Amino acid sequence: MYAIARKEFLNMFRSFRSIAVILLFVIVAFSMSSFVKSNPDLLFKF
């Protein structure tokens, strides 16, 4: 199972579109983490 997952993960990097999607997810994750770090009271407001 590890070999199949590794093969699929490496095949995912072969196209530009998939790299762009991965970069988009990384940028969104970092921006969300910095936003939550600067505004921790918004997490417990609900």
N, C-alpha and C. Protein backbone atom coordinates (compact mmCIF):
# COMPACT_ATOMS: atom_id res chain seq x y z
N MET A 1 0.82 -1.19 0.00
CA MET A 1 0.00 0.00 0.00
C MET A 1 0.86 1.25 0.00
N TYR A 2 1.97 1.21 0.73
CA TYR A 2 2.88 2.35 0.76
C TYR A 2 3.46 2.62 -0.62
N ALA A 3 3.79 1.56 -1.34
CA ALA A 3 4.36 1.73 -2.68
C ALA A 3 3.34 2.36 -3.64
N ILE A 4 2.10 1.96 -3.52
CA ILE A 4 1.05 2.53 -4.39
C ILE A 4 0.84 4.00 -4.07
N ALA A 5 0.79 4.33 -2.78
CA ALA A 5 0.61 5.72 -2.39
C ALA A 5 1.79 6.58 -2.83
N ARG A 6 2.99 6.05 -2.72
CA ARG A 6 4.19 6.80 -3.14
C ARG A 6 4.17 7.02 -4.65
N LYS A 7 3.79 6.00 -5.41
CA LYS A 7 3.73 6.13 -6.86
C LYS A 7 2.70 7.16 -7.28
N GLU A 8 1.53 7.13 -6.66
CA GLU A 8 0.49 8.10 -6.98
C GLU A 8 0.91 9.51 -6.58
N PHE A 9 1.59 9.63 -5.45
CA PHE A 9 2.05 10.95 -5.00
C PHE A 9 3.08 11.51 -5.97
N LEU A 10 4.00 10.70 -6.45
CA LEU A 10 5.00 11.17 -7.40
C LEU A 10 4.39 11.47 -8.76
N ASN A 11 3.40 10.70 -9.18
CA ASN A 11 2.73 10.98 -10.45
C ASN A 11 1.95 12.29 -10.39
N MET A 12 1.51 12.65 -9.21
CA MET A 12 0.75 13.88 -9.05
C MET A 12 1.61 15.11 -9.35
N PHE A 13 2.91 15.03 -9.11
CA PHE A 13 3.80 16.15 -9.33
C PHE A 13 4.21 16.31 -10.79
N ARG A 14 3.77 15.46 -11.66
CA ARG A 14 4.23 15.49 -13.04
C ARG A 14 3.57 16.57 -13.88
N SER A 15 2.44 17.06 -13.46
CA SER A 15 1.77 18.08 -14.26
C SER A 15 1.82 19.43 -13.54
N PHE A 16 1.80 20.48 -14.32
CA PHE A 16 1.89 21.83 -13.76
C PHE A 16 0.64 22.17 -12.95
N ARG A 17 -0.51 21.71 -13.42
CA ARG A 17 -1.75 22.04 -12.73
C ARG A 17 -1.77 21.48 -11.30
N SER A 18 -1.29 20.27 -11.14
CA SER A 18 -1.28 19.69 -9.80
C SER A 18 -0.30 20.43 -8.89
N ILE A 19 0.82 20.87 -9.43
CA ILE A 19 1.78 21.65 -8.63
C ILE A 19 1.15 22.98 -8.23
N ALA A 20 0.41 23.59 -9.15
CA ALA A 20 -0.25 24.85 -8.82
C ALA A 20 -1.29 24.66 -7.73
N VAL A 21 -2.03 23.57 -7.77
CA VAL A 21 -3.04 23.29 -6.74
C VAL A 21 -2.37 23.06 -5.39
N ILE A 22 -1.28 22.33 -5.37
CA ILE A 22 -0.56 22.08 -4.12
C ILE A 22 -0.01 23.39 -3.55
N LEU A 23 0.54 24.24 -4.40
CA LEU A 23 1.04 25.53 -3.93
C LEU A 23 -0.10 26.40 -3.40
N LEU A 24 -1.23 26.34 -4.05
CA LEU A 24 -2.39 27.10 -3.56
C LEU A 24 -2.80 26.63 -2.17
N PHE A 25 -2.86 25.32 -1.96
CA PHE A 25 -3.21 24.80 -0.64
C PHE A 25 -2.20 25.20 0.42
N VAL A 26 -0.91 25.19 0.07
CA VAL A 26 0.13 25.58 1.03
C VAL A 26 0.00 27.06 1.38
N ILE A 27 -0.22 27.90 0.39
CA ILE A 27 -0.36 29.34 0.64
C ILE A 27 -1.58 29.63 1.51
N VAL A 28 -2.69 28.96 1.21
CA VAL A 28 -3.90 29.16 2.01
C VAL A 28 -3.68 28.68 3.44
N ALA A 29 -2.99 27.56 3.61
CA ALA A 29 -2.75 27.04 4.96
C ALA A 29 -1.88 27.99 5.77
N PHE A 30 -0.83 28.52 5.15
CA PHE A 30 0.03 29.46 5.87
C PHE A 30 -0.69 30.76 6.20
N SER A 31 -1.49 31.25 5.27
CA SER A 31 -2.21 32.49 5.55
C SER A 31 -3.26 32.29 6.65
N MET A 32 -3.95 31.15 6.62
CA MET A 32 -4.93 30.87 7.67
C MET A 32 -4.25 30.71 9.03
N SER A 33 -3.10 30.06 9.05
CA SER A 33 -2.42 29.87 10.33
C SER A 33 -1.93 31.19 10.90
N SER A 34 -1.44 32.08 10.04
CA SER A 34 -1.01 33.38 10.54
C SER A 34 -2.19 34.22 11.00
N PHE A 35 -3.33 34.10 10.32
CA PHE A 35 -4.53 34.83 10.73
C PHE A 35 -5.03 34.33 12.08
N VAL A 36 -5.07 33.03 12.26
CA VAL A 36 -5.53 32.47 13.53
C VAL A 36 -4.55 32.78 14.65
N LYS A 37 -3.27 32.81 14.32
CA LYS A 37 -2.27 33.13 15.34
C LYS A 37 -2.42 34.57 15.81
N SER A 38 -2.77 35.47 14.91
CA SER A 38 -2.93 36.87 15.30
C SER A 38 -4.29 37.15 15.90
N ASN A 39 -5.28 36.28 15.69
CA ASN A 39 -6.63 36.47 16.23
C ASN A 39 -7.12 35.20 16.92
N PRO A 40 -6.53 34.81 18.03
CA PRO A 40 -6.94 33.55 18.67
C PRO A 40 -8.31 33.62 19.32
N ASP A 41 -8.78 34.81 19.64
CA ASP A 41 -10.09 34.90 20.29
C ASP A 41 -11.23 34.57 19.35
N LEU A 42 -11.02 34.61 18.03
CA LEU A 42 -12.08 34.27 17.10
C LEU A 42 -12.42 32.79 17.11
N LEU A 43 -11.48 31.96 17.54
CA LEU A 43 -11.74 30.52 17.58
C LEU A 43 -12.77 30.15 18.64
N PHE A 44 -12.75 30.84 19.75
CA PHE A 44 -13.60 30.47 20.87
C PHE A 44 -14.83 31.36 20.99
N LYS A 45 -15.13 32.10 19.95
CA LYS A 45 -16.26 33.02 20.01
C LYS A 45 -17.59 32.31 19.85
N PHE A 46 -17.62 31.19 19.20
CA PHE A 46 -18.88 30.49 18.90
C PHE A 46 -19.29 29.60 20.04
